[in-house]
């Protein structure tokens, strides 16, 4: 809205301070407060979180902790599904010592590989987000690419669309195009669907960059 038009509209409205309205027109939504070094972060996921295909100290939760100074607990289990993660999360959050400042959810790839209906995966992800947000407002969802051998071969994997849907509806931060970009590069993979040491390091760096852009660090 042009300022001269705004002044005309407000000329007869003395109860509304003109400068305050002008400031509001350009105001952006405040970003989340940064998590402090030493913050406890839960990384909930499957083999990509666990770090399959690389040494344990190369898993992206380890590397993310090194980049951010956070204490990142790796709760990735090889072969896990969204239903399995949903079953595990209450116990991870229920222990008295398990107070997390942030929760990163990266699950669903095995659902797609096993032909689980997308609607079931969406429902499980939504439930995971709800439980996580009851624990902390800092909840992020890592989108996993839809399995496609041809797209993987030509280096053009893309995120399954339901991740954006559930993140938006659950008011969680969407981490997009991280797994997809890394797993599209054969030099960063240990096999068809897992990263290698260099790949997990790149995942961690891209995660750190997106979390910084979101105001988490």
N, C-alpha and C. Protein backbone atom coordinates (compact mmCIF):
# COMPACT_ATOMS: atom_id res chain seq x y z
N UNK A 1 0.85 -1.19 0.00
CA UNK A 1 0.00 0.00 0.00
C UNK A 1 0.88 1.24 0.00
N UNK A 2 0.65 2.21 -0.92
CA UNK A 2 1.45 3.41 -0.98
C UNK A 2 1.14 4.29 0.23
N UNK A 3 2.15 4.98 0.74
CA UNK A 3 1.97 5.73 1.98
C UNK A 3 0.98 6.88 1.83
N UNK A 4 0.98 7.58 0.67
CA UNK A 4 0.06 8.70 0.53
C UNK A 4 -1.39 8.23 0.55
N UNK A 5 -1.64 7.06 -0.01
CA UNK A 5 -2.99 6.51 0.06
C UNK A 5 -3.34 6.13 1.47
N UNK A 6 -2.39 5.61 2.23
CA UNK A 6 -2.66 5.20 3.59
C UNK A 6 -2.95 6.40 4.47
N UNK A 7 -2.23 7.51 4.26
CA UNK A 7 -2.49 8.71 5.04
C UNK A 7 -3.90 9.24 4.78
N UNK A 8 -4.36 9.21 3.53
CA UNK A 8 -5.71 9.65 3.20
C UNK A 8 -6.74 8.79 3.91
N UNK A 9 -6.54 7.50 3.92
CA UNK A 9 -7.49 6.59 4.55
C UNK A 9 -7.57 6.80 6.05
N UNK A 10 -6.45 7.20 6.66
CA UNK A 10 -6.41 7.32 8.11
C UNK A 10 -6.65 8.75 8.60
N UNK A 11 -6.82 9.66 7.69
CA UNK A 11 -6.94 11.06 8.07
C UNK A 11 -8.11 11.30 9.01
N UNK A 12 -9.18 10.57 8.81
CA UNK A 12 -10.36 10.78 9.64
C UNK A 12 -10.49 9.79 10.77
N UNK A 13 -9.40 9.10 11.09
CA UNK A 13 -9.46 8.08 12.15
C UNK A 13 -8.42 8.42 13.20
N UNK A 14 -8.71 9.38 14.10
CA UNK A 14 -7.72 9.84 15.06
C UNK A 14 -7.33 8.78 16.09
N UNK A 15 -8.16 7.76 16.27
CA UNK A 15 -7.86 6.74 17.28
C UNK A 15 -6.76 5.80 16.85
N UNK A 16 -6.39 5.82 15.57
CA UNK A 16 -5.36 4.92 15.07
C UNK A 16 -4.10 5.72 14.77
N UNK A 17 -3.02 5.55 15.53
CA UNK A 17 -1.78 6.28 15.25
C UNK A 17 -1.22 5.89 13.88
N UNK A 18 -1.02 6.89 13.04
CA UNK A 18 -0.59 6.63 11.69
C UNK A 18 0.76 5.93 11.64
N UNK A 19 1.70 6.40 12.46
CA UNK A 19 3.03 5.80 12.43
C UNK A 19 2.99 4.35 12.87
N UNK A 20 2.12 4.02 13.83
CA UNK A 20 2.02 2.64 14.29
C UNK A 20 1.50 1.74 13.19
N UNK A 21 0.51 2.24 12.41
CA UNK A 21 -0.04 1.44 11.33
C UNK A 21 0.99 1.25 10.24
N UNK A 22 1.77 2.31 9.93
CA UNK A 22 2.80 2.17 8.92
C UNK A 22 3.84 1.14 9.34
N UNK A 23 4.19 1.16 10.62
CA UNK A 23 5.17 0.19 11.10
C UNK A 23 4.62 -1.22 10.99
N UNK A 24 3.34 -1.39 11.28
CA UNK A 24 2.74 -2.72 11.22
C UNK A 24 2.70 -3.25 9.80
N UNK A 25 2.56 -2.34 8.81
CA UNK A 25 2.50 -2.78 7.42
C UNK A 25 3.77 -3.51 7.00
N UNK A 26 4.90 -3.09 7.55
CA UNK A 26 6.15 -3.71 7.15
C UNK A 26 6.71 -4.68 8.16
N UNK A 27 5.94 -4.96 9.20
CA UNK A 27 6.45 -5.83 10.27
C UNK A 27 6.44 -7.28 9.83
N UNK A 28 7.52 -7.99 10.10
CA UNK A 28 7.61 -9.41 9.79
C UNK A 28 7.38 -10.21 11.06
N UNK A 29 6.90 -11.42 10.88
CA UNK A 29 6.70 -12.32 12.01
C UNK A 29 8.03 -12.63 12.66
N UNK A 30 8.07 -12.47 13.98
CA UNK A 30 9.30 -12.71 14.71
C UNK A 30 9.71 -14.18 14.61
N UNK A 31 11.02 -14.41 14.46
CA UNK A 31 11.50 -15.78 14.39
C UNK A 31 11.64 -16.34 15.79
N UNK A 32 11.77 -17.66 15.89
CA UNK A 32 11.90 -18.30 17.19
C UNK A 32 13.21 -17.88 17.85
N UNK A 33 13.21 -17.86 19.17
CA UNK A 33 14.43 -17.56 19.89
C UNK A 33 15.44 -18.67 19.66
N UNK A 34 16.71 -18.30 19.60
CA UNK A 34 17.75 -19.29 19.33
C UNK A 34 17.93 -20.23 20.51
N UNK A 35 18.15 -21.49 20.21
CA UNK A 35 18.47 -22.47 21.25
C UNK A 35 19.92 -22.26 21.69
N UNK A 36 20.14 -22.34 22.98
CA UNK A 36 21.47 -22.08 23.51
C UNK A 36 22.39 -23.29 23.30
N UNK A 37 23.69 -23.07 23.28
CA UNK A 37 24.62 -24.20 23.27
C UNK A 37 24.34 -25.09 24.48
N UNK A 38 24.38 -26.38 24.27
CA UNK A 38 24.05 -27.31 25.34
C UNK A 38 22.60 -27.71 25.36
N UNK A 39 21.77 -27.11 24.49
CA UNK A 39 20.35 -27.48 24.42
C UNK A 39 20.23 -28.95 24.06
N UNK A 40 19.22 -29.62 24.63
CA UNK A 40 19.02 -31.05 24.36
C UNK A 40 18.05 -31.20 23.19
N UNK A 41 18.46 -31.95 22.21
CA UNK A 41 17.67 -32.15 20.99
C UNK A 41 17.50 -33.64 20.76
N UNK A 42 16.28 -34.04 20.46
CA UNK A 42 15.98 -35.44 20.13
C UNK A 42 15.87 -35.59 18.62
N UNK A 43 16.65 -36.49 18.05
CA UNK A 43 16.55 -36.81 16.62
C UNK A 43 15.85 -38.16 16.51
N UNK A 44 14.59 -38.13 16.12
CA UNK A 44 13.77 -39.34 16.03
C UNK A 44 13.66 -39.75 14.57
N UNK A 45 14.04 -40.98 14.26
CA UNK A 45 13.98 -41.36 12.86
C UNK A 45 14.32 -42.82 12.60
N UNK A 46 14.72 -43.07 11.37
CA UNK A 46 15.01 -44.43 10.91
C UNK A 46 16.51 -44.56 10.63
N UNK A 47 16.86 -45.36 9.62
CA UNK A 47 18.28 -45.62 9.33
C UNK A 47 19.03 -44.37 8.88
N UNK A 48 18.34 -43.42 8.25
CA UNK A 48 19.02 -42.19 7.84
C UNK A 48 19.41 -41.36 9.05
N UNK A 49 18.62 -41.42 10.11
CA UNK A 49 18.99 -40.75 11.36
C UNK A 49 20.04 -41.55 12.10
N UNK A 50 19.87 -42.85 12.12
CA UNK A 50 20.83 -43.73 12.80
C UNK A 50 22.22 -43.59 12.20
N UNK A 51 22.29 -43.38 10.89
CA UNK A 51 23.58 -43.23 10.21
C UNK A 51 24.04 -44.48 9.51
N UNK A 52 23.09 -45.30 9.07
CA UNK A 52 23.43 -46.54 8.37
C UNK A 52 24.30 -46.24 7.16
N UNK A 53 25.36 -47.03 7.00
CA UNK A 53 26.26 -46.84 5.87
C UNK A 53 27.50 -46.05 6.19
N UNK A 54 27.64 -45.66 7.47
CA UNK A 54 28.81 -44.89 7.89
C UNK A 54 29.14 -45.24 9.34
N UNK A 55 30.33 -44.91 9.83
CA UNK A 55 30.65 -45.15 11.24
C UNK A 55 29.70 -44.39 12.16
N UNK A 56 29.50 -44.88 13.39
CA UNK A 56 28.55 -44.23 14.32
C UNK A 56 28.83 -42.74 14.54
N UNK A 57 30.09 -42.35 14.58
CA UNK A 57 30.40 -40.95 14.84
C UNK A 57 30.23 -40.06 13.61
N UNK A 58 29.81 -40.66 12.48
CA UNK A 58 29.56 -39.89 11.27
C UNK A 58 28.08 -39.61 11.06
N UNK A 59 27.20 -40.16 11.90
CA UNK A 59 25.76 -39.95 11.75
C UNK A 59 25.44 -38.46 11.84
N UNK A 60 24.42 -38.03 11.11
CA UNK A 60 24.15 -36.59 11.09
C UNK A 60 23.79 -36.01 12.46
N UNK A 61 23.12 -36.74 13.38
CA UNK A 61 22.89 -36.14 14.71
C UNK A 61 24.20 -35.80 15.43
N UNK A 62 25.22 -36.66 15.26
CA UNK A 62 26.53 -36.37 15.87
C UNK A 62 27.12 -35.12 15.24
N UNK A 63 27.09 -35.06 13.92
CA UNK A 63 27.67 -33.91 13.22
C UNK A 63 26.89 -32.63 13.48
N UNK A 64 25.56 -32.73 13.59
CA UNK A 64 24.76 -31.55 13.90
C UNK A 64 25.12 -31.01 15.28
N UNK A 65 25.34 -31.91 16.23
CA UNK A 65 25.76 -31.47 17.56
C UNK A 65 27.09 -30.75 17.52
N UNK A 66 28.01 -31.24 16.70
CA UNK A 66 29.31 -30.58 16.58
C UNK A 66 29.19 -29.19 15.96
N UNK A 67 28.27 -29.04 15.02
CA UNK A 67 28.10 -27.75 14.34
C UNK A 67 27.39 -26.72 15.21
N UNK A 68 26.49 -27.19 16.07
CA UNK A 68 25.63 -26.27 16.82
C UNK A 68 25.98 -26.12 18.29
N UNK A 69 26.69 -27.10 18.84
CA UNK A 69 26.92 -27.09 20.27
C UNK A 69 25.78 -27.68 21.07
N UNK A 70 24.75 -28.20 20.37
CA UNK A 70 23.63 -28.84 21.06
C UNK A 70 24.00 -30.27 21.43
N UNK A 71 23.28 -30.83 22.40
CA UNK A 71 23.41 -32.24 22.75
C UNK A 71 22.31 -33.00 22.01
N UNK A 72 22.66 -33.62 20.93
CA UNK A 72 21.67 -34.27 20.06
C UNK A 72 21.66 -35.77 20.34
N UNK A 73 20.52 -36.25 20.84
CA UNK A 73 20.35 -37.68 21.11
C UNK A 73 19.86 -38.38 19.84
N UNK A 74 20.60 -39.39 19.42
CA UNK A 74 20.26 -40.12 18.20
C UNK A 74 19.28 -41.24 18.53
N UNK A 75 18.01 -41.03 18.18
CA UNK A 75 16.97 -42.05 18.38
C UNK A 75 16.52 -42.60 17.04
N UNK A 76 17.48 -42.82 16.15
CA UNK A 76 17.20 -43.43 14.86
C UNK A 76 17.37 -44.93 14.95
N UNK A 77 16.41 -45.67 14.39
CA UNK A 77 16.47 -47.13 14.39
C UNK A 77 16.35 -47.62 12.95
N UNK A 78 17.29 -48.47 12.56
CA UNK A 78 17.26 -49.03 11.21
C UNK A 78 15.93 -49.74 10.96
N UNK A 79 15.31 -49.43 9.83
CA UNK A 79 14.08 -50.11 9.44
C UNK A 79 12.82 -49.60 10.10
N UNK A 80 12.92 -48.58 10.94
CA UNK A 80 11.73 -48.12 11.66
C UNK A 80 10.74 -47.43 10.72
N UNK A 81 9.49 -47.46 11.11
CA UNK A 81 8.39 -46.84 10.36
C UNK A 81 7.77 -45.73 11.19
N UNK A 82 6.85 -45.01 10.58
CA UNK A 82 6.16 -43.96 11.33
C UNK A 82 5.36 -44.54 12.48
N UNK A 83 4.78 -45.74 12.29
CA UNK A 83 4.04 -46.39 13.36
C UNK A 83 4.99 -46.78 14.50
N UNK A 84 6.18 -47.26 14.16
CA UNK A 84 7.15 -47.62 15.18
C UNK A 84 7.63 -46.41 15.95
N UNK A 85 7.88 -45.32 15.26
CA UNK A 85 8.32 -44.09 15.92
C UNK A 85 7.23 -43.56 16.84
N UNK A 86 5.98 -43.67 16.41
CA UNK A 86 4.86 -43.22 17.22
C UNK A 86 4.75 -44.05 18.50
N UNK A 87 5.07 -45.32 18.40
CA UNK A 87 5.05 -46.19 19.58
C UNK A 87 6.21 -45.88 20.52
N UNK A 88 7.34 -45.48 19.96
CA UNK A 88 8.54 -45.23 20.77
C UNK A 88 8.54 -43.87 21.45
N UNK A 89 7.93 -42.86 20.81
CA UNK A 89 8.09 -41.49 21.29
C UNK A 89 7.63 -41.27 22.74
N UNK A 90 6.50 -41.80 23.19
CA UNK A 90 6.10 -41.54 24.57
C UNK A 90 7.15 -41.96 25.60
N UNK A 91 7.79 -43.09 25.38
CA UNK A 91 8.81 -43.53 26.34
C UNK A 91 10.05 -42.64 26.28
N UNK A 92 10.36 -42.13 25.08
CA UNK A 92 11.50 -41.23 24.96
C UNK A 92 11.25 -39.91 25.69
N UNK A 93 10.00 -39.48 25.68
CA UNK A 93 9.65 -38.21 26.32
C UNK A 93 9.20 -38.38 27.76
N UNK A 94 8.87 -39.62 28.14
CA UNK A 94 8.26 -39.84 29.44
C UNK A 94 9.21 -39.90 30.61
N UNK A 95 10.45 -40.27 30.38
CA UNK A 95 11.41 -40.37 31.48
C UNK A 95 11.68 -38.99 32.07
N UNK A 96 11.83 -38.96 33.36
CA UNK A 96 12.01 -37.67 34.04
C UNK A 96 13.20 -36.88 33.54
N UNK A 97 14.25 -37.59 33.14
CA UNK A 97 15.46 -36.90 32.69
C UNK A 97 15.39 -36.48 31.23
N UNK A 98 14.35 -36.94 30.53
CA UNK A 98 14.27 -36.69 29.08
C UNK A 98 13.48 -35.42 28.78
N UNK A 99 14.06 -34.30 29.12
CA UNK A 99 13.44 -33.01 28.83
C UNK A 99 14.19 -32.41 27.64
N UNK A 100 13.51 -32.38 26.49
CA UNK A 100 14.16 -31.92 25.27
C UNK A 100 13.74 -30.50 24.92
N UNK A 101 14.71 -29.73 24.45
CA UNK A 101 14.44 -28.37 24.01
C UNK A 101 13.91 -28.34 22.59
N UNK A 102 14.22 -29.37 21.80
CA UNK A 102 13.78 -29.44 20.41
C UNK A 102 13.70 -30.89 19.98
N UNK A 103 12.82 -31.16 19.01
CA UNK A 103 12.64 -32.52 18.50
C UNK A 103 12.65 -32.46 16.98
N UNK A 104 13.50 -33.28 16.38
CA UNK A 104 13.59 -33.40 14.93
C UNK A 104 13.03 -34.75 14.53
N UNK A 105 12.03 -34.76 13.65
CA UNK A 105 11.35 -35.98 13.24
C UNK A 105 11.67 -36.28 11.79
N UNK A 106 12.35 -37.41 11.54
CA UNK A 106 12.67 -37.81 10.17
C UNK A 106 12.27 -39.26 9.97
N UNK A 107 11.06 -39.50 9.55
CA UNK A 107 10.54 -40.86 9.45
C UNK A 107 9.57 -40.95 8.27
N UNK A 108 9.38 -42.16 7.77
CA UNK A 108 8.41 -42.35 6.69
C UNK A 108 8.97 -43.02 5.45
N UNK A 109 10.29 -43.05 5.32
CA UNK A 109 10.88 -43.67 4.14
C UNK A 109 10.56 -45.15 4.05
N UNK A 110 10.61 -45.86 5.17
CA UNK A 110 10.30 -47.29 5.15
C UNK A 110 8.82 -47.55 4.93
N UNK A 111 7.99 -46.60 5.35
CA UNK A 111 6.55 -46.71 5.04
C UNK A 111 6.36 -46.80 3.53
N UNK A 112 7.02 -45.88 2.82
CA UNK A 112 6.87 -45.83 1.37
C UNK A 112 7.45 -47.06 0.70
N UNK A 113 8.61 -47.51 1.20
CA UNK A 113 9.23 -48.69 0.62
C UNK A 113 8.38 -49.94 0.83
N UNK A 114 7.61 -49.98 1.90
CA UNK A 114 6.80 -51.16 2.21
C UNK A 114 5.35 -51.03 1.73
N UNK A 115 5.05 -49.93 1.07
CA UNK A 115 3.71 -49.75 0.52
C UNK A 115 2.65 -49.38 1.53
N UNK A 116 3.05 -48.81 2.65
CA UNK A 116 2.07 -48.33 3.62
C UNK A 116 1.28 -47.19 2.97
N UNK A 117 -0.04 -47.18 3.10
CA UNK A 117 -0.82 -46.09 2.50
C UNK A 117 -0.35 -44.72 3.00
N UNK A 118 -0.27 -43.77 2.09
CA UNK A 118 0.19 -42.43 2.45
C UNK A 118 -0.69 -41.82 3.54
N UNK A 119 -1.97 -42.15 3.53
CA UNK A 119 -2.88 -41.59 4.53
C UNK A 119 -2.49 -42.05 5.94
N UNK A 120 -2.04 -43.31 6.06
CA UNK A 120 -1.62 -43.83 7.36
C UNK A 120 -0.34 -43.14 7.82
N UNK A 121 0.59 -42.93 6.90
CA UNK A 121 1.83 -42.24 7.26
C UNK A 121 1.54 -40.81 7.67
N UNK A 122 0.65 -40.13 6.94
CA UNK A 122 0.27 -38.76 7.30
C UNK A 122 -0.31 -38.72 8.70
N UNK A 123 -1.19 -39.65 9.01
CA UNK A 123 -1.82 -39.67 10.33
C UNK A 123 -0.78 -39.90 11.43
N UNK A 124 0.15 -40.81 11.18
CA UNK A 124 1.18 -41.08 12.18
C UNK A 124 2.10 -39.88 12.37
N UNK A 125 2.47 -39.23 11.27
CA UNK A 125 3.31 -38.04 11.37
C UNK A 125 2.59 -36.92 12.13
N UNK A 126 1.30 -36.76 11.84
CA UNK A 126 0.52 -35.74 12.54
C UNK A 126 0.49 -36.02 14.05
N UNK A 127 0.34 -37.29 14.41
CA UNK A 127 0.32 -37.66 15.83
C UNK A 127 1.70 -37.43 16.46
N UNK A 128 2.76 -37.74 15.74
CA UNK A 128 4.11 -37.50 16.23
C UNK A 128 4.34 -36.01 16.49
N UNK A 129 3.91 -35.19 15.55
CA UNK A 129 4.06 -33.74 15.70
C UNK A 129 3.28 -33.25 16.91
N UNK A 130 2.04 -33.72 17.07
CA UNK A 130 1.22 -33.29 18.20
C UNK A 130 1.87 -33.64 19.53
N UNK A 131 2.39 -34.87 19.63
CA UNK A 131 3.05 -35.28 20.87
C UNK A 131 4.31 -34.46 21.12
N UNK A 132 5.06 -34.22 20.05
CA UNK A 132 6.30 -33.46 20.19
C UNK A 132 6.02 -32.02 20.60
N UNK A 133 4.99 -31.41 20.00
CA UNK A 133 4.67 -30.02 20.31
C UNK A 133 4.09 -29.87 21.71
N UNK A 134 3.54 -30.94 22.27
CA UNK A 134 3.11 -30.89 23.66
C UNK A 134 4.30 -30.87 24.61
N UNK A 135 5.46 -31.27 24.09
CA UNK A 135 6.69 -31.32 24.88
C UNK A 135 7.52 -30.05 24.71
N UNK A 136 7.57 -29.53 23.47
CA UNK A 136 8.35 -28.34 23.16
C UNK A 136 7.80 -27.67 21.91
N UNK A 137 7.88 -26.34 21.80
CA UNK A 137 7.44 -25.67 20.57
C UNK A 137 8.43 -25.83 19.42
N UNK A 138 9.63 -26.31 19.71
CA UNK A 138 10.66 -26.46 18.68
C UNK A 138 10.57 -27.87 18.09
N UNK A 139 9.76 -28.01 17.06
CA UNK A 139 9.56 -29.29 16.40
C UNK A 139 9.79 -29.11 14.91
N UNK A 140 10.62 -29.95 14.33
CA UNK A 140 10.89 -29.89 12.89
C UNK A 140 10.67 -31.26 12.27
N UNK A 141 10.23 -31.25 11.02
CA UNK A 141 9.99 -32.48 10.26
C UNK A 141 10.95 -32.50 9.07
N UNK A 142 11.73 -33.57 8.98
CA UNK A 142 12.66 -33.74 7.86
C UNK A 142 11.96 -34.53 6.77
N UNK A 143 11.75 -33.91 5.64
CA UNK A 143 11.08 -34.58 4.53
C UNK A 143 11.99 -35.66 3.93
N UNK A 144 11.39 -36.80 3.63
CA UNK A 144 12.10 -37.91 3.00
C UNK A 144 11.67 -38.02 1.55
N UNK A 145 12.57 -38.32 0.63
CA UNK A 145 12.16 -38.42 -0.77
C UNK A 145 11.31 -39.65 -1.03
N UNK A 146 10.39 -39.50 -1.96
CA UNK A 146 9.61 -40.65 -2.42
C UNK A 146 10.55 -41.59 -3.16
N UNK A 147 10.51 -42.90 -2.87
CA UNK A 147 11.43 -43.84 -3.54
C UNK A 147 11.13 -43.93 -5.04
N UNK A 148 12.15 -43.72 -5.82
CA UNK A 148 12.00 -43.76 -7.28
C UNK A 148 13.38 -44.07 -7.87
N UNK A 149 13.57 -45.32 -8.29
CA UNK A 149 14.87 -45.75 -8.77
C UNK A 149 15.35 -44.93 -9.96
N UNK A 150 14.45 -44.60 -10.87
CA UNK A 150 14.85 -43.84 -12.05
C UNK A 150 15.28 -42.42 -11.67
N UNK A 151 14.50 -41.76 -10.80
CA UNK A 151 14.87 -40.40 -10.38
C UNK A 151 16.16 -40.41 -9.58
N UNK A 152 16.37 -41.46 -8.79
CA UNK A 152 17.62 -41.57 -8.05
C UNK A 152 18.79 -41.73 -9.02
N UNK A 153 18.59 -42.51 -10.07
CA UNK A 153 19.66 -42.77 -11.04
C UNK A 153 20.08 -41.49 -11.75
N UNK A 154 19.10 -40.65 -12.09
CA UNK A 154 19.42 -39.41 -12.81
C UNK A 154 19.67 -38.23 -11.86
N UNK A 155 19.60 -38.48 -10.54
CA UNK A 155 19.93 -37.44 -9.57
C UNK A 155 18.87 -36.38 -9.41
N UNK A 156 17.60 -36.78 -9.37
CA UNK A 156 16.54 -35.77 -9.24
C UNK A 156 15.44 -36.24 -8.28
N UNK A 157 15.83 -36.80 -7.14
CA UNK A 157 14.83 -37.19 -6.13
C UNK A 157 14.12 -35.95 -5.60
N UNK A 158 12.88 -36.13 -5.18
CA UNK A 158 12.12 -35.03 -4.61
C UNK A 158 11.36 -35.51 -3.38
N UNK A 159 11.09 -34.60 -2.46
CA UNK A 159 10.40 -34.94 -1.22
C UNK A 159 9.00 -35.46 -1.49
N UNK A 160 8.58 -36.44 -0.71
CA UNK A 160 7.18 -36.87 -0.77
C UNK A 160 6.30 -35.69 -0.33
N UNK A 161 5.20 -35.42 -1.03
CA UNK A 161 4.44 -34.19 -0.78
C UNK A 161 3.76 -34.13 0.58
N UNK A 162 3.50 -35.28 1.21
CA UNK A 162 2.72 -35.20 2.45
C UNK A 162 3.50 -34.59 3.61
N UNK A 163 4.82 -34.50 3.51
CA UNK A 163 5.58 -33.88 4.60
C UNK A 163 5.23 -32.40 4.74
N UNK A 164 5.13 -31.71 3.63
CA UNK A 164 4.77 -30.29 3.68
C UNK A 164 3.37 -30.13 4.26
N UNK A 165 2.46 -31.02 3.89
CA UNK A 165 1.08 -30.94 4.39
C UNK A 165 1.02 -31.09 5.90
N UNK A 166 1.68 -32.13 6.43
CA UNK A 166 1.57 -32.38 7.87
C UNK A 166 2.35 -31.34 8.68
N UNK A 167 3.48 -30.87 8.15
CA UNK A 167 4.23 -29.85 8.87
C UNK A 167 3.41 -28.56 8.99
N UNK A 168 2.77 -28.19 7.90
CA UNK A 168 1.96 -26.96 7.92
C UNK A 168 0.78 -27.10 8.85
N UNK A 169 0.06 -28.21 8.76
CA UNK A 169 -1.13 -28.38 9.59
C UNK A 169 -0.76 -28.54 11.07
N UNK A 170 0.41 -29.11 11.35
CA UNK A 170 0.84 -29.30 12.73
C UNK A 170 1.68 -28.17 13.28
N UNK A 171 1.89 -27.11 12.48
CA UNK A 171 2.69 -25.95 12.88
C UNK A 171 4.11 -26.36 13.28
N UNK A 172 4.68 -27.27 12.52
CA UNK A 172 6.07 -27.67 12.72
C UNK A 172 6.92 -27.08 11.61
N UNK A 173 8.20 -26.95 11.86
CA UNK A 173 9.13 -26.46 10.85
C UNK A 173 9.42 -27.57 9.85
N UNK A 174 9.26 -27.27 8.57
CA UNK A 174 9.57 -28.24 7.52
C UNK A 174 11.02 -28.08 7.09
N UNK A 175 11.77 -29.17 7.16
CA UNK A 175 13.14 -29.21 6.63
C UNK A 175 13.05 -29.92 5.28
N UNK A 176 13.10 -29.14 4.22
CA UNK A 176 12.85 -29.67 2.88
C UNK A 176 14.14 -29.81 2.08
N UNK A 177 14.12 -30.79 1.17
CA UNK A 177 15.15 -30.96 0.14
C UNK A 177 16.56 -31.22 0.69
N UNK A 178 16.64 -31.75 1.89
CA UNK A 178 17.95 -32.11 2.45
C UNK A 178 18.27 -33.56 2.11
N UNK A 179 17.46 -34.49 2.59
CA UNK A 179 17.66 -35.88 2.21
C UNK A 179 17.61 -36.04 0.69
N UNK A 180 16.66 -35.36 0.05
CA UNK A 180 16.50 -35.51 -1.40
C UNK A 180 17.76 -35.10 -2.15
N UNK A 181 18.32 -33.96 -1.78
CA UNK A 181 19.49 -33.47 -2.51
C UNK A 181 20.71 -34.36 -2.28
N UNK A 182 20.90 -34.81 -1.05
CA UNK A 182 22.06 -35.64 -0.76
C UNK A 182 21.93 -37.01 -1.43
N UNK A 183 20.76 -37.63 -1.33
CA UNK A 183 20.59 -38.97 -1.89
C UNK A 183 20.46 -38.95 -3.42
N UNK A 184 20.34 -37.77 -4.00
CA UNK A 184 20.36 -37.66 -5.46
C UNK A 184 21.78 -37.70 -6.01
N UNK A 185 22.76 -37.56 -5.13
CA UNK A 185 24.17 -37.52 -5.53
C UNK A 185 24.81 -38.86 -5.21
N UNK A 186 25.13 -39.64 -6.22
CA UNK A 186 25.68 -40.98 -6.02
C UNK A 186 26.98 -40.96 -5.21
N UNK A 187 27.74 -39.88 -5.31
CA UNK A 187 29.00 -39.81 -4.58
C UNK A 187 28.80 -39.63 -3.08
N UNK A 188 27.57 -39.29 -2.67
CA UNK A 188 27.26 -39.08 -1.26
C UNK A 188 26.46 -40.23 -0.66
N UNK A 189 26.28 -41.32 -1.44
CA UNK A 189 25.50 -42.46 -0.98
C UNK A 189 26.40 -43.67 -0.71
N UNK A 190 26.01 -44.47 0.30
CA UNK A 190 26.69 -45.74 0.56
C UNK A 190 26.01 -46.88 -0.18
N UNK A 191 24.74 -46.70 -0.49
CA UNK A 191 23.97 -47.66 -1.29
C UNK A 191 22.82 -46.89 -1.94
N UNK A 192 21.82 -47.58 -2.40
CA UNK A 192 20.75 -46.91 -3.15
C UNK A 192 19.94 -45.92 -2.33
N UNK A 193 19.82 -46.15 -1.00
CA UNK A 193 18.92 -45.32 -0.20
C UNK A 193 19.56 -44.73 1.06
N UNK A 194 20.87 -44.91 1.23
CA UNK A 194 21.52 -44.39 2.42
C UNK A 194 22.72 -43.51 2.05
N UNK A 195 23.00 -42.58 2.93
CA UNK A 195 24.16 -41.70 2.73
C UNK A 195 25.44 -42.39 3.20
N UNK A 196 26.58 -41.83 2.81
CA UNK A 196 27.87 -42.26 3.32
C UNK A 196 28.39 -41.19 4.28
N UNK A 197 29.62 -41.33 4.71
CA UNK A 197 30.17 -40.37 5.68
C UNK A 197 30.07 -38.93 5.18
N UNK A 198 30.45 -38.72 3.92
CA UNK A 198 30.38 -37.37 3.36
C UNK A 198 28.93 -36.91 3.23
N UNK A 199 28.05 -37.84 2.90
CA UNK A 199 26.64 -37.49 2.76
C UNK A 199 26.02 -37.07 4.07
N UNK A 200 26.31 -37.79 5.15
CA UNK A 200 25.76 -37.42 6.45
C UNK A 200 26.31 -36.08 6.93
N UNK A 201 27.57 -35.81 6.62
CA UNK A 201 28.13 -34.51 6.97
C UNK A 201 27.40 -33.38 6.24
N UNK A 202 27.05 -33.65 4.97
CA UNK A 202 26.33 -32.63 4.21
C UNK A 202 24.91 -32.46 4.72
N UNK A 203 24.27 -33.56 5.11
CA UNK A 203 22.94 -33.47 5.71
C UNK A 203 23.00 -32.60 6.96
N UNK A 204 23.98 -32.84 7.81
CA UNK A 204 24.10 -32.06 9.04
C UNK A 204 24.31 -30.58 8.75
N UNK A 205 25.14 -30.27 7.76
CA UNK A 205 25.40 -28.87 7.42
C UNK A 205 24.14 -28.19 6.88
N UNK A 206 23.42 -28.89 6.01
CA UNK A 206 22.19 -28.30 5.47
C UNK A 206 21.13 -28.14 6.55
N UNK A 207 21.05 -29.11 7.47
CA UNK A 207 20.14 -28.97 8.60
C UNK A 207 20.51 -27.75 9.44
N UNK A 208 21.78 -27.63 9.76
CA UNK A 208 22.23 -26.48 10.55
C UNK A 208 21.90 -25.17 9.86
N UNK A 209 22.07 -25.11 8.55
CA UNK A 209 21.78 -23.89 7.80
C UNK A 209 20.28 -23.56 7.84
N UNK A 210 19.43 -24.59 7.63
CA UNK A 210 17.99 -24.32 7.64
C UNK A 210 17.50 -23.95 9.03
N UNK A 211 18.05 -24.58 10.05
CA UNK A 211 17.65 -24.26 11.42
C UNK A 211 18.12 -22.85 11.79
N UNK A 212 19.26 -22.45 11.28
CA UNK A 212 19.72 -21.08 11.52
C UNK A 212 18.80 -20.08 10.84
N UNK A 213 18.40 -20.38 9.61
CA UNK A 213 17.49 -19.49 8.89
C UNK A 213 16.15 -19.37 9.60
N UNK A 214 15.74 -20.43 10.30
CA UNK A 214 14.48 -20.43 11.03
C UNK A 214 14.60 -19.76 12.40
N UNK A 215 15.82 -19.37 12.79
CA UNK A 215 16.02 -18.69 14.06
C UNK A 215 16.31 -19.60 15.23
N UNK A 216 16.52 -20.89 14.94
CA UNK A 216 16.79 -21.84 16.03
C UNK A 216 18.22 -21.70 16.56
N UNK A 217 19.11 -21.13 15.77
CA UNK A 217 20.51 -20.99 16.21
C UNK A 217 21.11 -19.69 15.65
